[in-house]
Amino acid sequence: MEEFFVSRASAVERIMRARRSLMKEMEGASAGAYALSQGPSLLDKLEQLLFDVRAGRISDFLMPSLNSKVRILVMAD
């Protein structure tokens, strides 16, 4: 598992990129069955994580993903 120490703004940007990527994958004609079945719940997790990181309630989390695990540690602002 990879670990990254990032600023809050960078953590928010990573979550936003993951969310956009997941939405494109779910909308695409070539989306796999797993992405379609797990996508909505994963999308909900990403959106909740986005709110929590922005609000400063979370500073250490595993990035929800379909295929890999990445631990994000938000540095104090």
PDB file of N, CA and C in Angstrom:
ATOM      1  N   MET A   1       0.835  -1.167   0.000  1.00  0.00           N
ATOM      2  CA  MET A   1       0.000   0.000   0.000  1.00  0.00           C
ATOM      3  C   MET A   1       0.887   1.239   0.000  1.00  0.00           C
ATOM      4  N   GLU A   2       0.535   2.179  -0.855  1.00  0.00           N
ATOM      5  CA  GLU A   2       1.265   3.442  -0.925  1.00  0.00           C
ATOM      6  C   GLU A   2       0.725   4.400   0.130  1.00  0.00           C
ATOM      7  N   GLU A   3       1.599   5.282   0.624  1.00  0.00           N
ATOM      8  CA  GLU A   3       1.209   6.314   1.572  1.00  0.00           C
ATOM      9  C   GLU A   3       1.710   7.659   1.068  1.00  0.00           C
ATOM     10  N   PHE A   4       0.851   8.667   1.198  1.00  0.00           N
ATOM     11  CA  PHE A   4       1.213  10.008   0.771  1.00  0.00           C
ATOM     12  C   PHE A   4       0.903  10.997   1.881  1.00  0.00           C
ATOM     13  N   PHE A   5       1.839  11.907   2.144  1.00  0.00           N
ATOM     14  CA  PHE A   5       1.635  13.024   3.045  1.00  0.00           C
ATOM     15  C   PHE A   5       1.330  14.232   2.165  1.00  0.00           C
ATOM     16  N   VAL A   6       0.149  14.801   2.321  1.00  0.00           N
ATOM     17  CA  VAL A   6      -0.278  15.880   1.425  1.00  0.00           C
ATOM     18  C   VAL A   6      -0.946  16.994   2.216  1.00  0.00           C
ATOM     19  N   SER A   7      -1.081  18.141   1.573  1.00  0.00           N
ATOM     20  CA  SER A   7      -1.839  19.246   2.162  1.00  0.00           C
ATOM     21  C   SER A   7      -3.330  18.935   2.043  1.00  0.00           C
ATOM     22  N   ARG A   8      -4.146  19.663   2.773  1.00  0.00           N
ATOM     23  CA  ARG A   8      -5.597  19.453   2.700  1.00  0.00           C
ATOM     24  C   ARG A   8      -6.098  19.721   1.279  1.00  0.00           C
ATOM     25  N   ALA A   9      -5.600  20.783   0.652  1.00  0.00           N
ATOM     26  CA  ALA A   9      -6.025  21.114  -0.715  1.00  0.00           C
ATOM     27  C   ALA A   9      -5.671  19.987  -1.683  1.00  0.00           C
ATOM     28  N   SER A  10      -4.495  19.412  -1.515  1.00  0.00           N
ATOM     29  CA  SER A  10      -4.080  18.308  -2.377  1.00  0.00           C
ATOM     30  C   SER A  10      -4.939  17.068  -2.132  1.00  0.00           C
ATOM     31  N   ALA A  11      -5.281  16.812  -0.883  1.00  0.00           N
ATOM     32  CA  ALA A  11      -6.140  15.670  -0.565  1.00  0.00           C
ATOM     33  C   ALA A  11      -7.508  15.842  -1.205  1.00  0.00           C
ATOM     34  N   VAL A  12      -8.055  17.056  -1.134  1.00  0.00           N
ATOM     35  CA  VAL A  12      -9.356  17.333  -1.757  1.00  0.00           C
ATOM     36  C   VAL A  12      -9.265  17.125  -3.267  1.00  0.00           C
ATOM     37  N   GLU A  13      -8.188  17.603  -3.875  1.00  0.00           N
ATOM     38  CA  GLU A  13      -8.010  17.432  -5.322  1.00  0.00           C
ATOM     39  C   GLU A  13      -7.921  15.958  -5.707  1.00  0.00           C
ATOM     40  N   ARG A  14      -7.222  15.155  -4.924  1.00  0.00           N
ATOM     41  CA  ARG A  14      -7.122  13.716  -5.195  1.00  0.00           C
ATOM     42  C   ARG A  14      -8.497  13.056  -5.143  1.00  0.00           C
ATOM     43  N   ILE A  15      -9.295  13.445  -4.154  1.00  0.00           N
ATOM     44  CA  ILE A  15     -10.641  12.879  -4.028  1.00  0.00           C
ATOM     45  C   ILE A  15     -11.495  13.292  -5.226  1.00  0.00           C
ATOM     46  N   MET A  16     -11.397  14.541  -5.625  1.00  0.00           N
ATOM     47  CA  MET A  16     -12.164  15.038  -6.773  1.00  0.00           C
ATOM     48  C   MET A  16     -11.765  14.298  -8.058  1.00  0.00           C
ATOM     49  N   ARG A  17     -10.462  14.070  -8.254  1.00  0.00           N
ATOM     50  CA  ARG A  17     -10.011  13.327  -9.444  1.00  0.00           C
ATOM     51  C   ARG A  17     -10.534  11.904  -9.424  1.00  0.00           C
ATOM     52  N   ALA A  18     -10.484  11.260  -8.257  1.00  0.00           N
ATOM     53  CA  ALA A  18     -10.992   9.887  -8.142  1.00  0.00           C
ATOM     54  C   ALA A  18     -12.487   9.851  -8.432  1.00  0.00           C
ATOM     55  N   ARG A  19     -13.215  10.836  -7.949  1.00  0.00           N
ATOM     56  CA  ARG A  19     -14.658  10.913  -8.180  1.00  0.00           C
ATOM     57  C   ARG A  19     -14.966  11.092  -9.665  1.00  0.00           C
ATOM     58  N   ARG A  20     -14.258  12.021 -10.314  1.00  0.00           N
ATOM     59  CA  ARG A  20     -14.470  12.243 -11.757  1.00  0.00           C
ATOM     60  C   ARG A  20     -14.135  10.991 -12.558  1.00  0.00           C
ATOM     61  N   SER A  21     -13.044  10.350 -12.211  1.00  0.00           N
ATOM     62  CA  SER A  21     -12.631   9.131 -12.909  1.00  0.00           C
ATOM     63  C   SER A  21     -13.683   8.028 -12.760  1.00  0.00           C
ATOM     64  N   LEU A  22     -14.187   7.856 -11.554  1.00  0.00           N
ATOM     65  CA  LEU A  22     -15.208   6.839 -11.315  1.00  0.00           C
ATOM     66  C   LEU A  22     -16.477   7.150 -12.088  1.00  0.00           C
ATOM     67  N   MET A  23     -16.875   8.413 -12.118  1.00  0.00           N
ATOM     68  CA  MET A  23     -18.080   8.786 -12.851  1.00  0.00           C
ATOM     69  C   MET A  23     -17.926   8.506 -14.345  1.00  0.00           C
ATOM     70  N   LYS A  24     -16.747   8.809 -14.897  1.00  0.00           N
ATOM     71  CA  LYS A  24     -16.506   8.526 -16.311  1.00  0.00           C
ATOM     72  C   LYS A  24     -16.551   7.030 -16.586  1.00  0.00           C
ATOM     73  N   GLU A  25     -15.950   6.249 -15.683  1.00  0.00           N
ATOM     74  CA  GLU A  25     -15.925   4.801 -15.853  1.00  0.00           C
ATOM     75  C   GLU A  25     -17.336   4.229 -15.788  1.00  0.00           C
ATOM     76  N   MET A  26     -18.146   4.736 -14.881  1.00  0.00           N
ATOM     77  CA  MET A  26     -19.519   4.243 -14.748  1.00  0.00           C
ATOM     78  C   MET A  26     -20.375   4.634 -15.948  1.00  0.00           C
ATOM     79  N   GLU A  27     -20.111   5.795 -16.532  1.00  0.00           N
ATOM     80  CA  GLU A  27     -20.884   6.272 -17.674  1.00  0.00           C
ATOM     81  C   GLU A  27     -20.432   5.655 -18.992  1.00  0.00           C
ATOM     82  N   GLY A  28     -19.173   5.222 -19.053  1.00  0.00           N
ATOM     83  CA  GLY A  28     -18.611   4.705 -20.294  1.00  0.00           C
ATOM     84  C   GLY A  28     -19.236   3.392 -20.719  1.00  0.00           C
ATOM     85  N   ALA A  29     -19.299   3.200 -22.004  1.00  0.00           N
ATOM     86  CA  ALA A  29     -19.877   1.968 -22.556  1.00  0.00           C
ATOM     87  C   ALA A  29     -19.012   0.759 -22.238  1.00  0.00           C
ATOM     88  N   SER A  30     -17.726   0.983 -21.993  1.00  0.00           N
ATOM     89  CA  SER A  30     -16.827  -0.134 -21.738  1.00  0.00           C
ATOM     90  C   SER A  30     -16.655  -0.421 -20.251  1.00  0.00           C
ATOM     91  N   ALA A  31     -17.500   0.170 -19.414  1.00  0.00           N
ATOM     92  CA  ALA A  31     -17.375  -0.054 -17.970  1.00  0.00           C
ATOM     93  C   ALA A  31     -17.637  -1.513 -17.643  1.00  0.00           C
ATOM     94  N   GLY A  32     -16.797  -2.073 -16.782  1.00  0.00           N
ATOM     95  CA  GLY A  32     -16.945  -3.462 -16.385  1.00  0.00           C
ATOM     96  C   GLY A  32     -18.098  -3.662 -15.412  1.00  0.00           C
ATOM     97  N   ALA A  33     -18.523  -4.887 -15.238  1.00  0.00           N
ATOM     98  CA  ALA A  33     -19.631  -5.203 -14.335  1.00  0.00           C
ATOM     99  C   ALA A  33     -19.290  -4.821 -12.904  1.00  0.00           C
ATOM    100  N   TYR A  34     -18.036  -5.005 -12.515  1.00  0.00           N
ATOM    101  CA  TYR A  34     -17.646  -4.672 -11.142  1.00  0.00           C
ATOM    102  C   TYR A  34     -17.771  -3.170 -10.896  1.00  0.00           C
ATOM    103  N   ALA A  35     -17.321  -2.364 -11.843  1.00  0.00           N
ATOM    104  CA  ALA A  35     -17.418  -0.910 -11.702  1.00  0.00           C
ATOM    105  C   ALA A  35     -18.873  -0.479 -11.606  1.00  0.00           C
ATOM    106  N   LEU A  36     -19.722  -1.103 -12.392  1.00  0.00           N
ATOM    107  CA  LEU A  36     -21.135  -0.737 -12.359  1.00  0.00           C
ATOM    108  C   LEU A  36     -21.798  -1.164 -11.055  1.00  0.00           C
ATOM    109  N   SER A  37     -21.393  -2.305 -10.517  1.00  0.00           N
ATOM    110  CA  SER A  37     -22.018  -2.783  -9.282  1.00  0.00           C
ATOM    111  C   SER A  37     -21.482  -2.061  -8.048  1.00  0.00           C
ATOM    112  N   GLN A  38     -20.191  -1.729  -8.031  1.00  0.00           N
ATOM    113  CA  GLN A  38     -19.572  -1.083  -6.871  1.00  0.00           C
ATOM    114  C   GLN A  38     -19.537   0.434  -6.977  1.00  0.00           C
ATOM    115  N   GLY A  39     -19.711   0.943  -8.177  1.00  0.00           N
ATOM    116  CA  GLY A  39     -19.589   2.377  -8.415  1.00  0.00           C
ATOM    117  C   GLY A  39     -20.452   3.263  -7.542  1.00  0.00           C
ATOM    118  N   PRO A  40     -21.773   3.025  -7.477  1.00  0.00           N
ATOM    119  CA  PRO A  40     -22.611   3.930  -6.680  1.00  0.00           C
ATOM    120  C   PRO A  40     -22.212   4.004  -5.206  1.00  0.00           C
ATOM    121  N   SER A  41     -21.913   2.886  -4.580  1.00  0.00           N
ATOM    122  CA  SER A  41     -21.524   2.934  -3.172  1.00  0.00           C
ATOM    123  C   SER A  41     -20.146   3.585  -3.027  1.00  0.00           C
ATOM    124  N   LEU A  42     -19.260   3.341  -3.959  1.00  0.00           N
ATOM    125  CA  LEU A  42     -17.940   3.961  -3.931  1.00  0.00           C
ATOM    126  C   LEU A  42     -18.060   5.472  -4.147  1.00  0.00           C
ATOM    127  N   LEU A  43     -18.954   5.865  -5.023  1.00  0.00           N
ATOM    128  CA  LEU A  43     -19.185   7.280  -5.272  1.00  0.00           C
ATOM    129  C   LEU A  43     -19.701   7.961  -4.002  1.00  0.00           C
ATOM    130  N   ASP A  44     -20.610   7.312  -3.290  1.00  0.00           N
ATOM    131  CA  ASP A  44     -21.109   7.849  -2.020  1.00  0.00           C
ATOM    132  C   ASP A  44     -19.982   7.998  -1.006  1.00  0.00           C
ATOM    133  N   LYS A  45     -19.092   7.012  -0.947  1.00  0.00           N
ATOM    134  CA  LYS A  45     -17.958   7.069  -0.015  1.00  0.00           C
ATOM    135  C   LYS A  45     -17.031   8.230  -0.352  1.00  0.00           C
ATOM    136  N   LEU A  46     -16.770   8.425  -1.644  1.00  0.00           N
ATOM    137  CA  LEU A  46     -15.900   9.521  -2.064  1.00  0.00           C
ATOM    138  C   LEU A  46     -16.521  10.877  -1.734  1.00  0.00           C
ATOM    139  N   GLU A  47     -17.820  11.010  -1.947  1.00  0.00           N
ATOM    140  CA  GLU A  47     -18.475  12.281  -1.664  1.00  0.00           C
ATOM    141  C   GLU A  47     -18.470  12.582  -0.166  1.00  0.00           C
ATOM    142  N   GLN A  48     -18.731  11.578   0.666  1.00  0.00           N
ATOM    143  CA  GLN A  48     -18.688  11.792   2.114  1.00  0.00           C
ATOM    144  C   GLN A  48     -17.276  12.125   2.569  1.00  0.00           C
ATOM    145  N   LEU A  49     -16.302  11.426   1.997  1.00  0.00           N
ATOM    146  CA  LEU A  49     -14.906  11.695   2.329  1.00  0.00           C
ATOM    147  C   LEU A  49     -14.530  13.125   1.944  1.00  0.00           C
ATOM    148  N   LEU A  50     -15.004  13.574   0.806  1.00  0.00           N
ATOM    149  CA  LEU A  50     -14.739  14.935   0.351  1.00  0.00           C
ATOM    150  C   LEU A  50     -15.255  15.952   1.367  1.00  0.00           C
ATOM    151  N   PHE A  51     -16.481  15.775   1.840  1.00  0.00           N
ATOM    152  CA  PHE A  51     -17.046  16.682   2.845  1.00  0.00           C
ATOM    153  C   PHE A  51     -16.231  16.647   4.135  1.00  0.00           C
ATOM    154  N   ASP A  52     -15.861  15.450   4.579  1.00  0.00           N
ATOM    155  CA  ASP A  52     -15.142  15.304   5.841  1.00  0.00           C
ATOM    156  C   ASP A  52     -13.734  15.894   5.776  1.00  0.00           C
ATOM    157  N   VAL A  53     -13.037  15.687   4.670  1.00  0.00           N
ATOM    158  CA  VAL A  53     -11.677  16.226   4.534  1.00  0.00           C
ATOM    159  C   VAL A  53     -11.731  17.748   4.433  1.00  0.00           C
ATOM    160  N   ARG A  54     -12.668  18.263   3.656  1.00  0.00           N
ATOM    161  CA  ARG A  54     -12.803  19.723   3.537  1.00  0.00           C
ATOM    162  C   ARG A  54     -13.079  20.372   4.889  1.00  0.00           C
ATOM    163  N   ALA A  55     -13.911  19.713   5.698  1.00  0.00           N
ATOM    164  CA  ALA A  55     -14.291  20.253   7.005  1.00  0.00           C
ATOM    165  C   ALA A  55     -13.210  20.041   8.061  1.00  0.00           C
ATOM    166  N   GLY A  56     -12.189  19.240   7.749  1.00  0.00           N
ATOM    167  CA  GLY A  56     -11.112  18.989   8.690  1.00  0.00           C
ATOM    168  C   GLY A  56     -11.426  17.914   9.715  1.00  0.00           C
ATOM    169  N   ARG A  57     -12.478  17.139   9.480  1.00  0.00           N
ATOM    170  CA  ARG A  57     -12.845  16.071  10.418  1.00  0.00           C
ATOM    171  C   ARG A  57     -11.984  14.829  10.242  1.00  0.00           C
ATOM    172  N   ILE A  58     -11.387  14.684   9.065  1.00  0.00           N
ATOM    173  CA  ILE A  58     -10.556  13.511   8.766  1.00  0.00           C
ATOM    174  C   ILE A  58      -9.199  13.990   8.273  1.00  0.00           C
ATOM    175  N   SER A  59      -8.133  13.375   8.796  1.00  0.00           N
ATOM    176  CA  SER A  59      -6.789  13.732   8.326  1.00  0.00           C
ATOM    177  C   SER A  59      -5.957  12.500   7.967  1.00  0.00           C
ATOM    178  N   ASP A  60      -6.543  11.330   8.093  1.00  0.00           N
ATOM    179  CA  ASP A  60      -5.854  10.074   7.769  1.00  0.00           C
ATOM    180  C   ASP A  60      -6.912   9.113   7.235  1.00  0.00           C
ATOM    181  N   PHE A  61      -6.768   8.703   5.968  1.00  0.00           N
ATOM    182  CA  PHE A  61      -7.792   7.841   5.385  1.00  0.00           C
ATOM    183  C   PHE A  61      -7.233   6.981   4.265  1.00  0.00           C
ATOM    184  N   LEU A  62      -7.936   5.897   3.968  1.00  0.00           N
ATOM    185  CA  LEU A  62      -7.656   5.078   2.804  1.00  0.00           C
ATOM    186  C   LEU A  62      -8.535   5.575   1.675  1.00  0.00           C
ATOM    187  N   MET A  63      -7.931   5.857   0.548  1.00  0.00           N
ATOM    188  CA  MET A  63      -8.679   6.355  -0.595  1.00  0.00           C
ATOM    189  C   MET A  63      -9.538   5.224  -1.156  1.00  0.00           C
ATOM    190  N   PRO A  64     -10.866   5.395  -1.160  1.00  0.00           N
ATOM    191  CA  PRO A  64     -11.725   4.360  -1.755  1.00  0.00           C
ATOM    192  C   PRO A  64     -11.415   4.225  -3.244  1.00  0.00           C
ATOM    193  N   SER A  65     -11.286   2.998  -3.703  1.00  0.00           N
ATOM    194  CA  SER A  65     -10.896   2.748  -5.088  1.00  0.00           C
ATOM    195  C   SER A  65     -11.397   1.388  -5.537  1.00  0.00           C
ATOM    196  N   LEU A  66     -11.538   1.229  -6.840  1.00  0.00           N
ATOM    197  CA  LEU A  66     -11.940  -0.062  -7.389  1.00  0.00           C
ATOM    198  C   LEU A  66     -10.782  -1.040  -7.471  1.00  0.00           C
ATOM    199  N   ASN A  67      -9.537  -0.508  -7.581  1.00  0.00           N
ATOM    200  CA  ASN A  67      -8.440  -1.419  -7.876  1.00  0.00           C
ATOM    201  C   ASN A  67      -7.186  -1.295  -7.020  1.00  0.00           C
ATOM    202  N   SER A  68      -7.021  -0.258  -6.239  1.00  0.00           N
ATOM    203  CA  SER A  68      -5.796  -0.139  -5.443  1.00  0.00           C
ATOM    204  C   SER A  68      -6.093   0.560  -4.125  1.00  0.00           C
ATOM    205  N   LYS A  69      -5.155   0.428  -3.183  1.00  0.00           N
ATOM    206  CA  LYS A  69      -5.310   1.077  -1.884  1.00  0.00           C
ATOM    207  C   LYS A  69      -4.188   2.081  -1.692  1.00  0.00           C
ATOM    208  N   VAL A  70      -4.583   3.286  -1.337  1.00  0.00           N
ATOM    209  CA  VAL A  70      -3.637   4.353  -1.086  1.00  0.00           C
ATOM    210  C   VAL A  70      -4.041   5.018   0.219  1.00  0.00           C
ATOM    211  N   ARG A  71      -3.090   5.172   1.117  1.00  0.00           N
ATOM    212  CA  ARG A  71      -3.341   5.838   2.390  1.00  0.00           C
ATOM    213  C   ARG A  71      -2.908   7.293   2.241  1.00  0.00           C
ATOM    214  N   ILE A  72      -3.793   8.197   2.625  1.00  0.00           N
ATOM    215  CA  ILE A  72      -3.521   9.623   2.554  1.00  0.00           C
ATOM    216  C   ILE A  72      -3.444  10.177   3.961  1.00  0.00           C
ATOM    217  N   LEU A  73      -2.378  10.893   4.257  1.00  0.00           N
ATOM    218  CA  LEU A  73      -2.202  11.560   5.546  1.00  0.00           C
ATOM    219  C   LEU A  73      -2.135  13.055   5.275  1.00  0.00           C
ATOM    220  N   VAL A  74      -3.104  13.786   5.805  1.00  0.00           N
ATOM    221  CA  VAL A  74      -3.176  15.234   5.577  1.00  0.00           C
ATOM    222  C   VAL A  74      -2.323  15.944   6.610  1.00  0.00           C
ATOM    223  N   MET A  75      -1.405  16.762   6.129  1.00  0.00           N
ATOM    224  CA  MET A  75      -0.536  17.529   7.018  1.00  0.00           C
ATOM    225  C   MET A  75      -1.313  18.684   7.613  1.00  0.00           C
ATOM    226  N   ALA A  76      -0.929  19.099   8.815  1.00  0.00           N
ATOM    227  CA  ALA A  76      -1.594  20.230   9.466  1.00  0.00           C
ATOM    228  C   ALA A  76      -1.375  21.489   8.649  1.00  0.00           C
ATOM    229  N   ASP A  77      -2.416  22.294   8.562  1.00  0.00           N
ATOM    230  CA  ASP A  77      -2.331  23.550   7.781  1.00  0.00           C
ATOM    231  C   ASP A  77      -1.659  24.633   8.576  1.00  0.00           C
TER     232      ASP A  77
END
